[in-house]
Amino acid sequence: MASQQSPRGTALLRVALVCFSVGVLAIIAAFVVFALGHEPPLALYLLAGACPVGFLLAIVFALRSGRRVRGGTQQ
């Protein structure tokens, strides 16, 4: 049975994945820059904020796309 996702819902998941990926890459880059003995620029700290934003968007996507059980328990 194929999932019937709307294009808007799929777009929300893609945005969440991109934000989360950018945030993780910025965190890794900040650690690498710091390990090389330099102070990470402010841009890396700001981009690292995309990680929790992407995580929250993914949670919103999961809650919106979840199935609701109607009535009592199903067997």
PDB file of N, CA and C in Angstrom:
ATOM      1  N   MET A   1       0.844  -1.172   0.000  1.00  0.00           N
ATOM      2  CA  MET A   1       0.000   0.000   0.000  1.00  0.00           C
ATOM      3  C   MET A   1       0.892   1.240   0.000  1.00  0.00           C
ATOM      4  N   ALA A   2       0.733   2.092  -0.966  1.00  0.00           N
ATOM      5  CA  ALA A   2       1.569   3.276  -1.102  1.00  0.00           C
ATOM      6  C   ALA A   2       1.092   4.372  -0.159  1.00  0.00           C
ATOM      7  N   SER A   3       2.042   5.134   0.342  1.00  0.00           N
ATOM      8  CA  SER A   3       1.725   6.237   1.230  1.00  0.00           C
ATOM      9  C   SER A   3       1.230   7.421   0.401  1.00  0.00           C
ATOM     10  N   GLN A   4       0.186   8.068   0.859  1.00  0.00           N
ATOM     11  CA  GLN A   4      -0.398   9.198   0.150  1.00  0.00           C
ATOM     12  C   GLN A   4       0.058  10.496   0.809  1.00  0.00           C
ATOM     13  N   GLN A   5       1.296  10.897   0.575  1.00  0.00           N
ATOM     14  CA  GLN A   5       1.825  12.137   1.118  1.00  0.00           C
ATOM     15  C   GLN A   5       1.540  13.276   0.148  1.00  0.00           C
ATOM     16  N   SER A   6       1.144  14.414   0.686  1.00  0.00           N
ATOM     17  CA  SER A   6       0.949  15.589  -0.154  1.00  0.00           C
ATOM     18  C   SER A   6       2.314  16.177  -0.499  1.00  0.00           C
ATOM     19  N   PRO A   7       2.404  16.889  -1.595  1.00  0.00           N
ATOM     20  CA  PRO A   7       3.677  17.520  -1.937  1.00  0.00           C
ATOM     21  C   PRO A   7       4.145  18.493  -0.857  1.00  0.00           C
ATOM     22  N   ARG A   8       3.195  19.117  -0.173  1.00  0.00           N
ATOM     23  CA  ARG A   8       3.556  20.054   0.888  1.00  0.00           C
ATOM     24  C   ARG A   8       4.203  19.317   2.061  1.00  0.00           C
ATOM     25  N   GLY A   9       3.662  18.143   2.415  1.00  0.00           N
ATOM     26  CA  GLY A   9       4.224  17.364   3.505  1.00  0.00           C
ATOM     27  C   GLY A   9       5.609  16.849   3.170  1.00  0.00           C
ATOM     28  N   THR A  10       5.792  16.423   1.930  1.00  0.00           N
ATOM     29  CA  THR A  10       7.101  15.952   1.501  1.00  0.00           C
ATOM     30  C   THR A  10       8.102  17.098   1.503  1.00  0.00           C
ATOM     31  N   ALA A  11       7.663  18.277   1.113  1.00  0.00           N
ATOM     32  CA  ALA A  11       8.540  19.450   1.118  1.00  0.00           C
ATOM     33  C   ALA A  11       8.967  19.787   2.543  1.00  0.00           C
ATOM     34  N   LEU A  12       8.067  19.635   3.491  1.00  0.00           N
ATOM     35  CA  LEU A  12       8.406  19.907   4.889  1.00  0.00           C
ATOM     36  C   LEU A  12       9.497  18.957   5.365  1.00  0.00           C
ATOM     37  N   LEU A  13       9.416  17.703   4.988  1.00  0.00           N
ATOM     38  CA  LEU A  13      10.442  16.741   5.373  1.00  0.00           C
ATOM     39  C   LEU A  13      11.777  17.090   4.730  1.00  0.00           C
ATOM     40  N   ARG A  14      11.758  17.482   3.475  1.00  0.00           N
ATOM     41  CA  ARG A  14      13.008  17.852   2.793  1.00  0.00           C
ATOM     42  C   ARG A  14      13.646  19.080   3.430  1.00  0.00           C
ATOM     43  N   VAL A  15      12.843  20.069   3.768  1.00  0.00           N
ATOM     44  CA  VAL A  15      13.364  21.264   4.434  1.00  0.00           C
ATOM     45  C   VAL A  15      13.957  20.890   5.788  1.00  0.00           C
ATOM     46  N   ALA A  16      13.285  20.005   6.515  1.00  0.00           N
ATOM     47  CA  ALA A  16      13.789  19.563   7.811  1.00  0.00           C
ATOM     48  C   ALA A  16      15.130  18.852   7.668  1.00  0.00           C
ATOM     49  N   LEU A  17      15.242  17.987   6.674  1.00  0.00           N
ATOM     50  CA  LEU A  17      16.497  17.260   6.469  1.00  0.00           C
ATOM     51  C   LEU A  17      17.630  18.194   6.059  1.00  0.00           C
ATOM     52  N   VAL A  18      17.325  19.176   5.209  1.00  0.00           N
ATOM     53  CA  VAL A  18      18.358  20.127   4.791  1.00  0.00           C
ATOM     54  C   VAL A  18      18.811  20.973   5.971  1.00  0.00           C
ATOM     55  N   CYS A  19      17.871  21.474   6.753  1.00  0.00           N
ATOM     56  CA  CYS A  19      18.233  22.282   7.929  1.00  0.00           C
ATOM     57  C   CYS A  19      19.064  21.483   8.920  1.00  0.00           C
ATOM     58  N   PHE A  20      18.646  20.262   9.186  1.00  0.00           N
ATOM     59  CA  PHE A  20      19.370  19.437  10.135  1.00  0.00           C
ATOM     60  C   PHE A  20      20.776  19.136   9.621  1.00  0.00           C
ATOM     61  N   SER A  21      20.893  18.834   8.332  1.00  0.00           N
ATOM     62  CA  SER A  21      22.203  18.515   7.752  1.00  0.00           C
ATOM     63  C   SER A  21      23.134  19.727   7.786  1.00  0.00           C
ATOM     64  N   VAL A  22      22.608  20.888   7.441  1.00  0.00           N
ATOM     65  CA  VAL A  22      23.421  22.107   7.485  1.00  0.00           C
ATOM     66  C   VAL A  22      23.890  22.376   8.910  1.00  0.00           C
ATOM     67  N   GLY A  23      23.010  22.189   9.878  1.00  0.00           N
ATOM     68  CA  GLY A  23      23.384  22.404  11.272  1.00  0.00           C
ATOM     69  C   GLY A  23      24.455  21.440  11.745  1.00  0.00           C
ATOM     70  N   VAL A  24      24.326  20.173  11.380  1.00  0.00           N
ATOM     71  CA  VAL A  24      25.335  19.184  11.789  1.00  0.00           C
ATOM     72  C   VAL A  24      26.681  19.501  11.140  1.00  0.00           C
ATOM     73  N   LEU A  25      26.670  19.853   9.859  1.00  0.00           N
ATOM     74  CA  LEU A  25      27.918  20.208   9.178  1.00  0.00           C
ATOM     75  C   LEU A  25      28.562  21.444   9.807  1.00  0.00           C
ATOM     76  N   ALA A  26      27.757  22.404  10.211  1.00  0.00           N
ATOM     77  CA  ALA A  26      28.304  23.601  10.864  1.00  0.00           C
ATOM     78  C   ALA A  26      28.904  23.263  12.220  1.00  0.00           C
ATOM     79  N   ILE A  27      28.288  22.357  12.953  1.00  0.00           N
ATOM     80  CA  ILE A  27      28.835  21.934  14.246  1.00  0.00           C
ATOM     81  C   ILE A  27      30.175  21.233  14.049  1.00  0.00           C
ATOM     82  N   ILE A  28      30.230  20.340  13.068  1.00  0.00           N
ATOM     83  CA  ILE A  28      31.489  19.644  12.782  1.00  0.00           C
ATOM     84  C   ILE A  28      32.561  20.635  12.348  1.00  0.00           C
ATOM     85  N   ALA A  29      32.192  21.578  11.485  1.00  0.00           N
ATOM     86  CA  ALA A  29      33.150  22.581  11.027  1.00  0.00           C
ATOM     87  C   ALA A  29      33.654  23.442  12.186  1.00  0.00           C
ATOM     88  N   ALA A  30      32.780  23.787  13.117  1.00  0.00           N
ATOM     89  CA  ALA A  30      33.198  24.590  14.266  1.00  0.00           C
ATOM     90  C   ALA A  30      34.193  23.819  15.126  1.00  0.00           C
ATOM     91  N   PHE A  31      33.963  22.522  15.316  1.00  0.00           N
ATOM     92  CA  PHE A  31      34.912  21.711  16.077  1.00  0.00           C
ATOM     93  C   PHE A  31      36.249  21.606  15.361  1.00  0.00           C
ATOM     94  N   VAL A  32      36.219  21.443  14.045  1.00  0.00           N
ATOM     95  CA  VAL A  32      37.466  21.331  13.276  1.00  0.00           C
ATOM     96  C   VAL A  32      38.244  22.641  13.336  1.00  0.00           C
ATOM     97  N   VAL A  33      37.558  23.758  13.148  1.00  0.00           N
ATOM     98  CA  VAL A  33      38.227  25.059  13.205  1.00  0.00           C
ATOM     99  C   VAL A  33      38.818  25.282  14.593  1.00  0.00           C
ATOM    100  N   PHE A  34      38.094  24.927  15.629  1.00  0.00           N
ATOM    101  CA  PHE A  34      38.599  25.097  16.995  1.00  0.00           C
ATOM    102  C   PHE A  34      39.788  24.177  17.258  1.00  0.00           C
ATOM    103  N   ALA A  35      39.740  22.958  16.716  1.00  0.00           N
ATOM    104  CA  ALA A  35      40.846  22.011  16.905  1.00  0.00           C
ATOM    105  C   ALA A  35      42.114  22.487  16.207  1.00  0.00           C
ATOM    106  N   LEU A  36      41.966  23.271  15.157  1.00  0.00           N
ATOM    107  CA  LEU A  36      43.126  23.810  14.453  1.00  0.00           C
ATOM    108  C   LEU A  36      43.703  25.040  15.141  1.00  0.00           C
ATOM    109  N   GLY A  37      43.092  25.443  16.247  1.00  0.00           N
ATOM    110  CA  GLY A  37      43.641  26.534  17.040  1.00  0.00           C
ATOM    111  C   GLY A  37      43.086  27.908  16.706  1.00  0.00           C
ATOM    112  N   HIS A  38      41.996  27.968  15.972  1.00  0.00           N
ATOM    113  CA  HIS A  38      41.386  29.253  15.606  1.00  0.00           C
ATOM    114  C   HIS A  38      40.029  29.377  16.287  1.00  0.00           C
ATOM    115  N   GLU A  39      39.575  30.605  16.377  1.00  0.00           N
ATOM    116  CA  GLU A  39      38.230  30.870  16.909  1.00  0.00           C
ATOM    117  C   GLU A  39      37.223  30.705  15.766  1.00  0.00           C
ATOM    118  N   PRO A  40      36.205  29.851  15.923  1.00  0.00           N
ATOM    119  CA  PRO A  40      35.206  29.707  14.848  1.00  0.00           C
ATOM    120  C   PRO A  40      34.460  31.017  14.620  1.00  0.00           C
ATOM    121  N   PRO A  41      34.179  31.341  13.364  1.00  0.00           N
ATOM    122  CA  PRO A  41      33.455  32.593  13.087  1.00  0.00           C
ATOM    123  C   PRO A  41      32.004  32.511  13.545  1.00  0.00           C
ATOM    124  N   LEU A  42      31.422  33.665  13.700  1.00  0.00           N
ATOM    125  CA  LEU A  42      30.035  33.766  14.153  1.00  0.00           C
ATOM    126  C   LEU A  42      29.084  33.039  13.204  1.00  0.00           C
ATOM    127  N   ALA A  43      29.407  33.033  11.918  1.00  0.00           N
ATOM    128  CA  ALA A  43      28.545  32.376  10.939  1.00  0.00           C
ATOM    129  C   ALA A  43      28.373  30.888  11.247  1.00  0.00           C
ATOM    130  N   LEU A  44      29.427  30.231  11.712  1.00  0.00           N
ATOM    131  CA  LEU A  44      29.304  28.808  12.055  1.00  0.00           C
ATOM    132  C   LEU A  44      28.371  28.607  13.239  1.00  0.00           C
ATOM    133  N   TYR A  45      28.446  29.489  14.210  1.00  0.00           N
ATOM    134  CA  TYR A  45      27.545  29.383  15.353  1.00  0.00           C
ATOM    135  C   TYR A  45      26.094  29.611  14.930  1.00  0.00           C
ATOM    136  N   LEU A  46      25.881  30.562  14.038  1.00  0.00           N
ATOM    137  CA  LEU A  46      24.522  30.829  13.568  1.00  0.00           C
ATOM    138  C   LEU A  46      23.992  29.686  12.712  1.00  0.00           C
ATOM    139  N   LEU A  47      24.847  29.128  11.864  1.00  0.00           N
ATOM    140  CA  LEU A  47      24.423  27.990  11.045  1.00  0.00           C
ATOM    141  C   LEU A  47      24.164  26.747  11.896  1.00  0.00           C
ATOM    142  N   ALA A  48      24.867  26.616  13.002  1.00  0.00           N
ATOM    143  CA  ALA A  48      24.642  25.475  13.893  1.00  0.00           C
ATOM    144  C   ALA A  48      23.233  25.508  14.482  1.00  0.00           C
ATOM    145  N   GLY A  49      22.635  26.674  14.539  1.00  0.00           N
ATOM    146  CA  GLY A  49      21.259  26.796  15.019  1.00  0.00           C
ATOM    147  C   GLY A  49      20.244  26.151  14.093  1.00  0.00           C
ATOM    148  N   ALA A  50      20.642  25.831  12.865  1.00  0.00           N
ATOM    149  CA  ALA A  50      19.741  25.159  11.929  1.00  0.00           C
ATOM    150  C   ALA A  50      19.492  23.710  12.336  1.00  0.00           C
ATOM    151  N   CYS A  51      20.379  23.145  13.138  1.00  0.00           N
ATOM    152  CA  CYS A  51      20.227  21.745  13.553  1.00  0.00           C
ATOM    153  C   CYS A  51      18.963  21.534  14.398  1.00  0.00           C
ATOM    154  N   PRO A  52      18.773  22.277  15.477  1.00  0.00           N
ATOM    155  CA  PRO A  52      17.523  22.077  16.231  1.00  0.00           C
ATOM    156  C   PRO A  52      16.280  22.515  15.471  1.00  0.00           C
ATOM    157  N   VAL A  53      16.418  23.500  14.582  1.00  0.00           N
ATOM    158  CA  VAL A  53      15.270  23.909  13.770  1.00  0.00           C
ATOM    159  C   VAL A  53      14.834  22.762  12.863  1.00  0.00           C
ATOM    160  N   GLY A  54      15.801  22.105  12.228  1.00  0.00           N
ATOM    161  CA  GLY A  54      15.491  20.958  11.385  1.00  0.00           C
ATOM    162  C   GLY A  54      14.895  19.817  12.170  1.00  0.00           C
ATOM    163  N   PHE A  55      15.392  19.605  13.372  1.00  0.00           N
ATOM    164  CA  PHE A  55      14.857  18.553  14.233  1.00  0.00           C
ATOM    165  C   PHE A  55      13.399  18.833  14.592  1.00  0.00           C
ATOM    166  N   LEU A  56      13.101  20.082  14.940  1.00  0.00           N
ATOM    167  CA  LEU A  56      11.718  20.443  15.275  1.00  0.00           C
ATOM    168  C   LEU A  56      10.795  20.327  14.067  1.00  0.00           C
ATOM    169  N   LEU A  57      11.286  20.698  12.892  1.00  0.00           N
ATOM    170  CA  LEU A  57      10.474  20.553  11.683  1.00  0.00           C
ATOM    171  C   LEU A  57      10.195  19.083  11.385  1.00  0.00           C
ATOM    172  N   ALA A  58      11.169  18.220  11.641  1.00  0.00           N
ATOM    173  CA  ALA A  58      10.967  16.785  11.433  1.00  0.00           C
ATOM    174  C   ALA A  58       9.926  16.235  12.407  1.00  0.00           C
ATOM    175  N   ILE A  59       9.932  16.736  13.636  1.00  0.00           N
ATOM    176  CA  ILE A  59       8.921  16.314  14.610  1.00  0.00           C
ATOM    177  C   ILE A  59       7.534  16.772  14.158  1.00  0.00           C
ATOM    178  N   VAL A  60       7.444  18.011  13.665  1.00  0.00           N
ATOM    179  CA  VAL A  60       6.166  18.509  13.153  1.00  0.00           C
ATOM    180  C   VAL A  60       5.689  17.640  11.986  1.00  0.00           C
ATOM    181  N   PHE A  61       6.599  17.285  11.083  1.00  0.00           N
ATOM    182  CA  PHE A  61       6.238  16.417   9.957  1.00  0.00           C
ATOM    183  C   PHE A  61       5.724  15.072  10.460  1.00  0.00           C
ATOM    184  N   ALA A  62       6.418  14.484  11.439  1.00  0.00           N
ATOM    185  CA  ALA A  62       6.009  13.174  11.952  1.00  0.00           C
ATOM    186  C   ALA A  62       4.636  13.239  12.618  1.00  0.00           C
ATOM    187  N   LEU A  63       4.380  14.305  13.359  1.00  0.00           N
ATOM    188  CA  LEU A  63       3.085  14.435  14.021  1.00  0.00           C
ATOM    189  C   LEU A  63       1.961  14.683  13.023  1.00  0.00           C
ATOM    190  N   ARG A  64       2.239  15.441  11.975  1.00  0.00           N
ATOM    191  CA  ARG A  64       1.208  15.717  10.973  1.00  0.00           C
ATOM    192  C   ARG A  64       0.919  14.523  10.082  1.00  0.00           C
ATOM    193  N   SER A  65       1.922  13.683   9.857  1.00  0.00           N
ATOM    194  CA  SER A  65       1.723  12.571   8.941  1.00  0.00           C
ATOM    195  C   SER A  65       1.359  11.273   9.658  1.00  0.00           C
ATOM    196  N   GLY A  66       1.318  11.290  10.982  1.00  0.00           N
ATOM    197  CA  GLY A  66       0.980  10.086  11.729  1.00  0.00           C
ATOM    198  C   GLY A  66      -0.469   9.696  11.547  1.00  0.00           C
ATOM    199  N   ARG A  67      -0.713   8.423  11.665  1.00  0.00           N
ATOM    200  CA  ARG A  67      -2.088   7.932  11.529  1.00  0.00           C
ATOM    201  C   ARG A  67      -2.782   7.978  12.884  1.00  0.00           C
ATOM    202  N   ARG A  68      -4.018   8.365  12.859  1.00  0.00           N
ATOM    203  CA  ARG A  68      -4.807   8.387  14.084  1.00  0.00           C
ATOM    204  C   ARG A  68      -5.725   7.174  14.096  1.00  0.00           C
ATOM    205  N   VAL A  69      -5.835   6.551  15.245  1.00  0.00           N
ATOM    206  CA  VAL A  69      -6.723   5.403  15.388  1.00  0.00           C
ATOM    207  C   VAL A  69      -8.111   5.926  15.724  1.00  0.00           C
ATOM    208  N   ARG A  70      -9.086   5.468  14.983  1.00  0.00           N
ATOM    209  CA  ARG A  70     -10.468   5.902  15.214  1.00  0.00           C
ATOM    210  C   ARG A  70     -11.152   4.905  16.113  1.00  0.00           C
ATOM    211  N   GLY A  71     -11.946   5.397  17.019  1.00  0.00           N
ATOM    212  CA  GLY A  71     -12.712   4.526  17.909  1.00  0.00           C
ATOM    213  C   GLY A  71     -11.833   3.926  18.973  1.00  0.00           C
ATOM    214  N   GLY A  72     -12.145   2.689  19.339  1.00  0.00           N
ATOM    215  CA  GLY A  72     -11.398   1.998  20.394  1.00  0.00           C
ATOM    216  C   GLY A  72     -10.147   1.328  19.843  1.00  0.00           C
ATOM    217  N   THR A  73      -9.788   0.241  20.469  1.00  0.00           N
ATOM    218  CA  THR A  73      -8.605  -0.490  20.028  1.00  0.00           C
ATOM    219  C   THR A  73      -8.927  -1.321  18.814  1.00  0.00           C
ATOM    220  N   GLN A  74      -7.948  -1.472  17.966  1.00  0.00           N
ATOM    221  CA  GLN A  74      -8.116  -2.294  16.783  1.00  0.00           C
ATOM    222  C   GLN A  74      -7.439  -3.623  16.989  1.00  0.00           C
ATOM    223  N   GLN A  75      -8.033  -4.677  16.430  1.00  0.00           N
ATOM    224  CA  GLN A  75      -7.460  -6.004  16.603  1.00  0.00           C
ATOM    225  C   GLN A  75      -6.969  -6.554  15.296  1.00  0.00           C
TER     226      GLN A  75
END
